[in-house]
Amino acid sequence: MSGSNKHIGSSLDGFLREEGILEETRATAIKEAIAWQVQQVMKRDHITKIEMARRMKTSRAALDRFLDPANSSVTLQTLSRAVRAIGRDLRIELV
């Protein structure tokens, strides 16, 4: 059967690796997951964006960039400040 899909039966990681976007995709997913969790705590604890930016010692615009799912350009320092601002710790480990 000519023209068959070479990715049928492959894993998502395998597909992303073959496309050359595995690491970029993982980094984006991690950032989005952390930003989503921070937003959930902000909602639960009624923390406004102004208050959150103050706790992070940053601007509201910088906080908006952090919370924007389309913006994957976030530093480790920003991630750490955001989770500390809601009373959590950021754990990064090699697996």
PDB file of N, CA and C in Angstrom:
ATOM      1  N   MET A   1       0.845  -1.171   0.000  1.00  0.00           N
ATOM      2  CA  MET A   1       0.000   0.000   0.000  1.00  0.00           C
ATOM      3  C   MET A   1       0.890   1.233   0.000  1.00  0.00           C
ATOM      4  N   SER A   2       0.946   1.936  -1.091  1.00  0.00           N
ATOM      5  CA  SER A   2       1.809   3.104  -1.181  1.00  0.00           C
ATOM      6  C   SER A   2       1.153   4.301  -0.503  1.00  0.00           C
ATOM      7  N   GLY A   3       1.986   5.194   0.018  1.00  0.00           N
ATOM      8  CA  GLY A   3       1.475   6.401   0.663  1.00  0.00           C
ATOM      9  C   GLY A   3       0.942   6.170   2.060  1.00  0.00           C
ATOM     10  N   SER A   4       1.258   5.039   2.666  1.00  0.00           N
ATOM     11  CA  SER A   4       0.754   4.789   4.013  1.00  0.00           C
ATOM     12  C   SER A   4       1.439   5.734   4.992  1.00  0.00           C
ATOM     13  N   ASN A   5       0.775   6.009   6.065  1.00  0.00           N
ATOM     14  CA  ASN A   5       1.266   6.945   7.075  1.00  0.00           C
ATOM     15  C   ASN A   5       2.351   6.279   7.903  1.00  0.00           C
ATOM     16  N   LYS A   6       3.570   6.836   7.861  1.00  0.00           N
ATOM     17  CA  LYS A   6       4.682   6.242   8.612  1.00  0.00           C
ATOM     18  C   LYS A   6       4.515   6.378  10.117  1.00  0.00           C
ATOM     19  N   HIS A   7       3.584   7.231  10.571  1.00  0.00           N
ATOM     20  CA  HIS A   7       3.413   7.464  12.007  1.00  0.00           C
ATOM     21  C   HIS A   7       2.351   6.558  12.643  1.00  0.00           C
ATOM     22  N   ILE A   8       1.627   5.795  11.843  1.00  0.00           N
ATOM     23  CA  ILE A   8       0.607   4.918  12.408  1.00  0.00           C
ATOM     24  C   ILE A   8       1.290   3.908  13.324  1.00  0.00           C
ATOM     25  N   GLY A   9       0.803   3.824  14.523  1.00  0.00           N
ATOM     26  CA  GLY A   9       1.347   2.902  15.509  1.00  0.00           C
ATOM     27  C   GLY A   9       2.503   3.475  16.313  1.00  0.00           C
ATOM     28  N   SER A  10       2.938   4.679  15.975  1.00  0.00           N
ATOM     29  CA  SER A  10       4.034   5.273  16.734  1.00  0.00           C
ATOM     30  C   SER A  10       3.468   6.003  17.956  1.00  0.00           C
ATOM     31  N   SER A  11       4.345   6.246  18.912  1.00  0.00           N
ATOM     32  CA  SER A  11       3.920   6.989  20.092  1.00  0.00           C
ATOM     33  C   SER A  11       3.927   8.483  19.775  1.00  0.00           C
ATOM     34  N   LEU A  12       3.255   9.252  20.601  1.00  0.00           N
ATOM     35  CA  LEU A  12       3.271  10.704  20.424  1.00  0.00           C
ATOM     36  C   LEU A  12       4.692  11.231  20.557  1.00  0.00           C
ATOM     37  N   ASP A  13       5.431  10.752  21.554  1.00  0.00           N
ATOM     38  CA  ASP A  13       6.819  11.179  21.711  1.00  0.00           C
ATOM     39  C   ASP A  13       7.638  10.837  20.468  1.00  0.00           C
ATOM     40  N   GLY A  14       7.415   9.647  19.924  1.00  0.00           N
ATOM     41  CA  GLY A  14       8.133   9.243  18.717  1.00  0.00           C
ATOM     42  C   GLY A  14       7.813  10.155  17.546  1.00  0.00           C
ATOM     43  N   PHE A  15       6.548  10.475  17.395  1.00  0.00           N
ATOM     44  CA  PHE A  15       6.136  11.376  16.318  1.00  0.00           C
ATOM     45  C   PHE A  15       6.772  12.753  16.487  1.00  0.00           C
ATOM     46  N   LEU A  16       6.687  13.313  17.695  1.00  0.00           N
ATOM     47  CA  LEU A  16       7.249  14.643  17.946  1.00  0.00           C
ATOM     48  C   LEU A  16       8.766  14.640  17.760  1.00  0.00           C
ATOM     49  N   ARG A  17       9.416  13.549  18.163  1.00  0.00           N
ATOM     50  CA  ARG A  17      10.868  13.433  17.990  1.00  0.00           C
ATOM     51  C   ARG A  17      11.212  13.427  16.497  1.00  0.00           C
ATOM     52  N   GLU A  18      10.473  12.651  15.719  1.00  0.00           N
ATOM     53  CA  GLU A  18      10.711  12.594  14.271  1.00  0.00           C
ATOM     54  C   GLU A  18      10.490  13.952  13.613  1.00  0.00           C
ATOM     55  N   GLU A  19       9.544  14.727  14.133  1.00  0.00           N
ATOM     56  CA  GLU A  19       9.259  16.050  13.584  1.00  0.00           C
ATOM     57  C   GLU A  19      10.246  17.105  14.092  1.00  0.00           C
ATOM     58  N   GLY A  20      11.066  16.723  15.076  1.00  0.00           N
ATOM     59  CA  GLY A  20      12.063  17.635  15.614  1.00  0.00           C
ATOM     60  C   GLY A  20      11.515  18.667  16.577  1.00  0.00           C
ATOM     61  N   ILE A  21      10.358  18.376  17.185  1.00  0.00           N
ATOM     62  CA  ILE A  21       9.736  19.359  18.084  1.00  0.00           C
ATOM     63  C   ILE A  21       9.416  18.795  19.466  1.00  0.00           C
ATOM     64  N   LEU A  22      10.021  17.674  19.813  1.00  0.00           N
ATOM     65  CA  LEU A  22       9.712  17.040  21.101  1.00  0.00           C
ATOM     66  C   LEU A  22      10.048  17.942  22.277  1.00  0.00           C
ATOM     67  N   GLU A  23      11.273  18.451  22.342  1.00  0.00           N
ATOM     68  CA  GLU A  23      11.682  19.257  23.497  1.00  0.00           C
ATOM     69  C   GLU A  23      10.897  20.554  23.584  1.00  0.00           C
ATOM     70  N   GLU A  24      10.674  21.201  22.461  1.00  0.00           N
ATOM     71  CA  GLU A  24       9.896  22.442  22.447  1.00  0.00           C
ATOM     72  C   GLU A  24       8.470  22.191  22.935  1.00  0.00           C
ATOM     73  N   THR A  25       7.886  21.100  22.480  1.00  0.00           N
ATOM     74  CA  THR A  25       6.522  20.756  22.871  1.00  0.00           C
ATOM     75  C   THR A  25       6.436  20.436  24.357  1.00  0.00           C
ATOM     76  N   ARG A  26       7.409  19.702  24.866  1.00  0.00           N
ATOM     77  CA  ARG A  26       7.439  19.392  26.301  1.00  0.00           C
ATOM     78  C   ARG A  26       7.566  20.665  27.134  1.00  0.00           C
ATOM     79  N   ALA A  27       8.474  21.554  26.742  1.00  0.00           N
ATOM     80  CA  ALA A  27       8.678  22.797  27.491  1.00  0.00           C
ATOM     81  C   ALA A  27       7.407  23.631  27.506  1.00  0.00           C
ATOM     82  N   THR A  28       6.737  23.720  26.378  1.00  0.00           N
ATOM     83  CA  THR A  28       5.493  24.487  26.297  1.00  0.00           C
ATOM     84  C   THR A  28       4.420  23.860  27.185  1.00  0.00           C
ATOM     85  N   ALA A  29       4.310  22.550  27.157  1.00  0.00           N
ATOM     86  CA  ALA A  29       3.296  21.857  27.960  1.00  0.00           C
ATOM     87  C   ALA A  29       3.550  22.048  29.455  1.00  0.00           C
ATOM     88  N   ILE A  30       4.799  21.987  29.858  1.00  0.00           N
ATOM     89  CA  ILE A  30       5.140  22.180  31.274  1.00  0.00           C
ATOM     90  C   ILE A  30       4.787  23.592  31.711  1.00  0.00           C
ATOM     91  N   LYS A  31       5.173  24.571  30.910  1.00  0.00           N
ATOM     92  CA  LYS A  31       4.879  25.973  31.244  1.00  0.00           C
ATOM     93  C   LYS A  31       3.379  26.187  31.327  1.00  0.00           C
ATOM     94  N   GLU A  32       2.617  25.651  30.367  1.00  0.00           N
ATOM     95  CA  GLU A  32       1.165  25.815  30.376  1.00  0.00           C
ATOM     96  C   GLU A  32       0.548  25.160  31.607  1.00  0.00           C
ATOM     97  N   ALA A  33       1.047  23.999  31.980  1.00  0.00           N
ATOM     98  CA  ALA A  33       0.499  23.297  33.147  1.00  0.00           C
ATOM     99  C   ALA A  33       0.756  24.086  34.429  1.00  0.00           C
ATOM    100  N   ILE A  34       1.954  24.631  34.570  1.00  0.00           N
ATOM    101  CA  ILE A  34       2.261  25.413  35.767  1.00  0.00           C
ATOM    102  C   ILE A  34       1.425  26.684  35.800  1.00  0.00           C
ATOM    103  N   ALA A  35       1.325  27.376  34.670  1.00  0.00           N
ATOM    104  CA  ALA A  35       0.515  28.602  34.613  1.00  0.00           C
ATOM    105  C   ALA A  35      -0.942  28.299  34.942  1.00  0.00           C
ATOM    106  N   TRP A  36      -1.464  27.181  34.443  1.00  0.00           N
ATOM    107  CA  TRP A  36      -2.853  26.805  34.728  1.00  0.00           C
ATOM    108  C   TRP A  36      -3.039  26.546  36.218  1.00  0.00           C
ATOM    109  N   GLN A  37      -2.097  25.829  36.825  1.00  0.00           N
ATOM    110  CA  GLN A  37      -2.199  25.546  38.261  1.00  0.00           C
ATOM    111  C   GLN A  37      -2.148  26.834  39.077  1.00  0.00           C
ATOM    112  N   VAL A  38      -1.278  27.760  38.691  1.00  0.00           N
ATOM    113  CA  VAL A  38      -1.185  29.042  39.390  1.00  0.00           C
ATOM    114  C   VAL A  38      -2.510  29.782  39.268  1.00  0.00           C
ATOM    115  N   GLN A  39      -3.093  29.796  38.068  1.00  0.00           N
ATOM    116  CA  GLN A  39      -4.387  30.466  37.873  1.00  0.00           C
ATOM    117  C   GLN A  39      -5.471  29.837  38.734  1.00  0.00           C
ATOM    118  N   GLN A  40      -5.470  28.527  38.865  1.00  0.00           N
ATOM    119  CA  GLN A  40      -6.479  27.858  39.673  1.00  0.00           C
ATOM    120  C   GLN A  40      -6.369  28.268  41.142  1.00  0.00           C
ATOM    121  N   VAL A  41      -5.149  28.354  41.651  1.00  0.00           N
ATOM    122  CA  VAL A  41      -4.952  28.792  43.039  1.00  0.00           C
ATOM    123  C   VAL A  41      -5.362  30.252  43.191  1.00  0.00           C
ATOM    124  N   MET A  42      -5.021  31.069  42.190  1.00  0.00           N
ATOM    125  CA  MET A  42      -5.416  32.483  42.241  1.00  0.00           C
ATOM    126  C   MET A  42      -6.939  32.601  42.321  1.00  0.00           C
ATOM    127  N   LYS A  43      -7.653  31.833  41.515  1.00  0.00           N
ATOM    128  CA  LYS A  43      -9.125  31.871  41.541  1.00  0.00           C
ATOM    129  C   LYS A  43      -9.648  31.389  42.888  1.00  0.00           C
ATOM    130  N   ARG A  44      -9.116  30.259  43.335  1.00  0.00           N
ATOM    131  CA  ARG A  44      -9.591  29.668  44.593  1.00  0.00           C
ATOM    132  C   ARG A  44      -9.381  30.608  45.772  1.00  0.00           C
ATOM    133  N   ASP A  45      -8.223  31.268  45.790  1.00  0.00           N
ATOM    134  CA  ASP A  45      -7.871  32.127  46.917  1.00  0.00           C
ATOM    135  C   ASP A  45      -8.209  33.596  46.684  1.00  0.00           C
ATOM    136  N   HIS A  46      -8.903  33.870  45.572  1.00  0.00           N
ATOM    137  CA  HIS A  46      -9.327  35.239  45.232  1.00  0.00           C
ATOM    138  C   HIS A  46      -8.155  36.206  45.190  1.00  0.00           C
ATOM    139  N   ILE A  47      -7.076  35.782  44.521  1.00  0.00           N
ATOM    140  CA  ILE A  47      -5.895  36.632  44.352  1.00  0.00           C
ATOM    141  C   ILE A  47      -6.029  37.337  43.001  1.00  0.00           C
ATOM    142  N   THR A  48      -6.079  38.646  43.024  1.00  0.00           N
ATOM    143  CA  THR A  48      -6.196  39.407  41.783  1.00  0.00           C
ATOM    144  C   THR A  48      -4.849  39.415  41.052  1.00  0.00           C
ATOM    145  N   LYS A  49      -4.894  39.770  39.783  1.00  0.00           N
ATOM    146  CA  LYS A  49      -3.656  39.872  39.016  1.00  0.00           C
ATOM    147  C   LYS A  49      -2.756  40.967  39.581  1.00  0.00           C
ATOM    148  N   ILE A  50      -3.354  42.034  40.036  1.00  0.00           N
ATOM    149  CA  ILE A  50      -2.557  43.118  40.630  1.00  0.00           C
ATOM    150  C   ILE A  50      -1.837  42.613  41.879  1.00  0.00           C
ATOM    151  N   GLU A  51      -2.548  41.879  42.729  1.00  0.00           N
ATOM    152  CA  GLU A  51      -1.941  41.330  43.944  1.00  0.00           C
ATOM    153  C   GLU A  51      -0.881  40.289  43.604  1.00  0.00           C
ATOM    154  N   MET A  52      -1.163  39.464  42.628  1.00  0.00           N
ATOM    155  CA  MET A  52      -0.205  38.429  42.228  1.00  0.00           C
ATOM    156  C   MET A  52       1.074  39.071  41.696  1.00  0.00           C
ATOM    157  N   ALA A  53       0.942  40.091  40.858  1.00  0.00           N
ATOM    158  CA  ALA A  53       2.120  40.786  40.330  1.00  0.00           C
ATOM    159  C   ALA A  53       2.921  41.412  41.472  1.00  0.00           C
ATOM    160  N   ARG A  54       2.230  41.978  42.449  1.00  0.00           N
ATOM    161  CA  ARG A  54       2.920  42.566  43.604  1.00  0.00           C
ATOM    162  C   ARG A  54       3.697  41.491  44.358  1.00  0.00           C
ATOM    163  N   ARG A  55       3.073  40.337  44.578  1.00  0.00           N
ATOM    164  CA  ARG A  55       3.741  39.247  45.286  1.00  0.00           C
ATOM    165  C   ARG A  55       4.966  38.744  44.521  1.00  0.00           C
ATOM    166  N   MET A  56       4.874  38.754  43.205  1.00  0.00           N
ATOM    167  CA  MET A  56       5.978  38.287  42.366  1.00  0.00           C
ATOM    168  C   MET A  56       7.048  39.361  42.172  1.00  0.00           C
ATOM    169  N   LYS A  57       6.743  40.577  42.630  1.00  0.00           N
ATOM    170  CA  LYS A  57       7.642  41.724  42.433  1.00  0.00           C
ATOM    171  C   LYS A  57       7.902  41.934  40.938  1.00  0.00           C
ATOM    172  N   THR A  58       6.798  41.969  40.174  1.00  0.00           N
ATOM    173  CA  THR A  58       6.874  42.164  38.737  1.00  0.00           C
ATOM    174  C   THR A  58       5.709  43.018  38.276  1.00  0.00           C
ATOM    175  N   SER A  59       5.629  43.260  37.010  1.00  0.00           N
ATOM    176  CA  SER A  59       4.541  44.070  36.464  1.00  0.00           C
ATOM    177  C   SER A  59       3.337  43.192  36.108  1.00  0.00           C
ATOM    178  N   ARG A  60       2.205  43.836  35.971  1.00  0.00           N
ATOM    179  CA  ARG A  60       1.001  43.128  35.543  1.00  0.00           C
ATOM    180  C   ARG A  60       1.200  42.573  34.132  1.00  0.00           C
ATOM    181  N   ALA A  61       1.902  43.317  33.276  1.00  0.00           N
ATOM    182  CA  ALA A  61       2.163  42.846  31.906  1.00  0.00           C
ATOM    183  C   ALA A  61       3.010  41.571  31.917  1.00  0.00           C
ATOM    184  N   ALA A  62       4.013  41.519  32.798  1.00  0.00           N
ATOM    185  CA  ALA A  62       4.851  40.322  32.903  1.00  0.00           C
ATOM    186  C   ALA A  62       4.022  39.140  33.405  1.00  0.00           C
ATOM    187  N   LEU A  63       3.119  39.383  34.346  1.00  0.00           N
ATOM    188  CA  LEU A  63       2.237  38.328  34.833  1.00  0.00           C
ATOM    189  C   LEU A  63       1.333  37.839  33.709  1.00  0.00           C
ATOM    190  N   ASP A  64       0.791  38.762  32.929  1.00  0.00           N
ATOM    191  CA  ASP A  64      -0.061  38.372  31.795  1.00  0.00           C
ATOM    192  C   ASP A  64       0.707  37.511  30.800  1.00  0.00           C
ATOM    193  N   ARG A  65       1.964  37.837  30.551  1.00  0.00           N
ATOM    194  CA  ARG A  65       2.785  37.012  29.648  1.00  0.00           C
ATOM    195  C   ARG A  65       2.975  35.622  30.229  1.00  0.00           C
ATOM    196  N   PHE A  66       3.213  35.547  31.551  1.00  0.00           N
ATOM    197  CA  PHE A  66       3.368  34.244  32.204  1.00  0.00           C
ATOM    198  C   PHE A  66       2.095  33.411  32.083  1.00  0.00           C
ATOM    199  N   LEU A  67       0.942  34.034  32.277  1.00  0.00           N
ATOM    200  CA  LEU A  67      -0.328  33.308  32.251  1.00  0.00           C
ATOM    201  C   LEU A  67      -0.823  33.000  30.838  1.00  0.00           C
ATOM    202  N   ASP A  68      -0.257  33.632  29.830  1.00  0.00           N
ATOM    203  CA  ASP A  68      -0.674  33.440  28.441  1.00  0.00           C
ATOM    204  C   ASP A  68      -0.204  32.078  27.929  1.00  0.00           C
ATOM    205  N   PRO A  69      -1.147  31.174  27.602  1.00  0.00           N
ATOM    206  CA  PRO A  69      -0.750  29.841  27.133  1.00  0.00           C
ATOM    207  C   PRO A  69       0.044  29.876  25.826  1.00  0.00           C
ATOM    208  N   ALA A  70      -0.131  30.909  25.024  1.00  0.00           N
ATOM    209  CA  ALA A  70       0.575  31.007  23.744  1.00  0.00           C
ATOM    210  C   ALA A  70       2.017  31.478  23.918  1.00  0.00           C
ATOM    211  N   ASN A  71       2.365  31.994  25.091  1.00  0.00           N
ATOM    212  CA  ASN A  71       3.710  32.509  25.328  1.00  0.00           C
ATOM    213  C   ASN A  71       4.510  31.474  26.103  1.00  0.00           C
ATOM    214  N   SER A  72       5.384  30.770  25.407  1.00  0.00           N
ATOM    215  CA  SER A  72       6.184  29.735  26.071  1.00  0.00           C
ATOM    216  C   SER A  72       7.544  30.257  26.502  1.00  0.00           C
ATOM    217  N   SER A  73       7.801  31.536  26.283  1.00  0.00           N
ATOM    218  CA  SER A  73       9.086  32.127  26.622  1.00  0.00           C
ATOM    219  C   SER A  73       9.051  32.653  28.059  1.00  0.00           C
ATOM    220  N   VAL A  74       9.252  31.759  29.001  1.00  0.00           N
ATOM    221  CA  VAL A  74       9.210  32.110  30.420  1.00  0.00           C
ATOM    222  C   VAL A  74      10.468  31.574  31.075  1.00  0.00           C
ATOM    223  N   THR A  75      11.075  32.386  31.902  1.00  0.00           N
ATOM    224  CA  THR A  75      12.300  31.956  32.567  1.00  0.00           C
ATOM    225  C   THR A  75      11.987  31.096  33.787  1.00  0.00           C
ATOM    226  N   LEU A  76      12.977  30.344  34.188  1.00  0.00           N
ATOM    227  CA  LEU A  76      12.863  29.541  35.402  1.00  0.00           C
ATOM    228  C   LEU A  76      12.640  30.440  36.608  1.00  0.00           C
ATOM    229  N   GLN A  77      13.267  31.607  36.604  1.00  0.00           N
ATOM    230  CA  GLN A  77      13.095  32.565  37.698  1.00  0.00           C
ATOM    231  C   GLN A  77      11.634  33.015  37.790  1.00  0.00           C
ATOM    232  N   THR A  78      11.007  33.297  36.663  1.00  0.00           N
ATOM    233  CA  THR A  78       9.599  33.712  36.667  1.00  0.00           C
ATOM    234  C   THR A  78       8.712  32.596  37.168  1.00  0.00           C
ATOM    235  N   LEU A  79       8.958  31.371  36.716  1.00  0.00           N
ATOM    236  CA  LEU A  79       8.173  30.230  37.202  1.00  0.00           C
ATOM    237  C   LEU A  79       8.313  30.100  38.712  1.00  0.00           C
ATOM    238  N   SER A  80       9.523  30.205  39.196  1.00  0.00           N
ATOM    239  CA  SER A  80       9.779  30.072  40.625  1.00  0.00           C
ATOM    240  C   SER A  80       9.095  31.175  41.431  1.00  0.00           C
ATOM    241  N   ARG A  81       9.169  32.420  40.960  1.00  0.00           N
ATOM    242  CA  ARG A  81       8.514  33.531  41.671  1.00  0.00           C
ATOM    243  C   ARG A  81       7.004  33.341  41.699  1.00  0.00           C
ATOM    244  N   ALA A  82       6.437  32.848  40.599  1.00  0.00           N
ATOM    245  CA  ALA A  82       4.988  32.664  40.537  1.00  0.00           C
ATOM    246  C   ALA A  82       4.522  31.616  41.541  1.00  0.00           C
ATOM    247  N   VAL A  83       5.209  30.495  41.614  1.00  0.00           N
ATOM    248  CA  VAL A  83       4.753  29.454  42.537  1.00  0.00           C
ATOM    249  C   VAL A  83       5.024  29.846  43.988  1.00  0.00           C
ATOM    250  N   ARG A  84       6.112  30.564  44.236  1.00  0.00           N
ATOM    251  CA  ARG A  84       6.365  31.049  45.610  1.00  0.00           C
ATOM    252  C   ARG A  84       5.313  32.060  46.034  1.00  0.00           C
ATOM    253  N   ALA A  85       4.812  32.843  45.070  1.00  0.00           N
ATOM    254  CA  ALA A  85       3.806  33.864  45.381  1.00  0.00           C
ATOM    255  C   ALA A  85       2.488  33.256  45.837  1.00  0.00           C
ATOM    256  N   ILE A  86       2.261  31.997  45.510  1.00  0.00           N
ATOM    257  CA  ILE A  86       1.037  31.322  45.963  1.00  0.00           C
ATOM    258  C   ILE A  86       1.340  30.303  47.058  1.00  0.00           C
ATOM    259  N   GLY A  87       2.550  30.412  47.621  1.00  0.00           N
ATOM    260  CA  GLY A  87       2.910  29.561  48.752  1.00  0.00           C
ATOM    261  C   GLY A  87       3.305  28.140  48.400  1.00  0.00           C
ATOM    262  N   ARG A  88       3.766  27.942  47.199  1.00  0.00           N
ATOM    263  CA  ARG A  88       4.182  26.607  46.756  1.00  0.00           C
ATOM    264  C   ARG A  88       5.655  26.618  46.398  1.00  0.00           C
ATOM    265  N   ASP A  89       6.214  25.423  46.158  1.00  0.00           N
ATOM    266  CA  ASP A  89       7.581  25.278  45.700  1.00  0.00           C
ATOM    267  C   ASP A  89       7.561  24.675  44.301  1.00  0.00           C
ATOM    268  N   LEU A  90       8.543  25.039  43.512  1.00  0.00           N
ATOM    269  CA  LEU A  90       8.714  24.480  42.182  1.00  0.00           C
ATOM    270  C   LEU A  90       9.772  23.392  42.284  1.00  0.00           C
ATOM    271  N   ARG A  91       9.427  22.192  41.841  1.00  0.00           N
ATOM    272  CA  ARG A  91      10.373  21.073  41.889  1.00  0.00           C
ATOM    273  C   ARG A  91      10.667  20.649  40.452  1.00  0.00           C
ATOM    274  N   ILE A  92      11.939  20.633  40.133  1.00  0.00           N
ATOM    275  CA  ILE A  92      12.371  20.177  38.817  1.00  0.00           C
ATOM    276  C   ILE A  92      13.340  19.017  39.055  1.00  0.00           C
ATOM    277  N   GLU A  93      13.118  17.929  38.329  1.00  0.00           N
ATOM    278  CA  GLU A  93      13.990  16.791  38.526  1.00  0.00           C
ATOM    279  C   GLU A  93      14.305  16.128  37.205  1.00  0.00           C
ATOM    280  N   LEU A  94      15.419  15.465  37.163  1.00  0.00           N
ATOM    281  CA  LEU A  94      15.799  14.696  35.988  1.00  0.00           C
ATOM    282  C   LEU A  94      15.202  13.304  36.102  1.00  0.00           C
ATOM    283  N   VAL A  95      14.645  12.822  35.020  1.00  0.00           N
ATOM    284  CA  VAL A  95      14.075  11.464  35.034  1.00  0.00           C
ATOM    285  C   VAL A  95      14.630  10.657  33.899  1.00  0.00           C
TER     286      VAL A  95
END
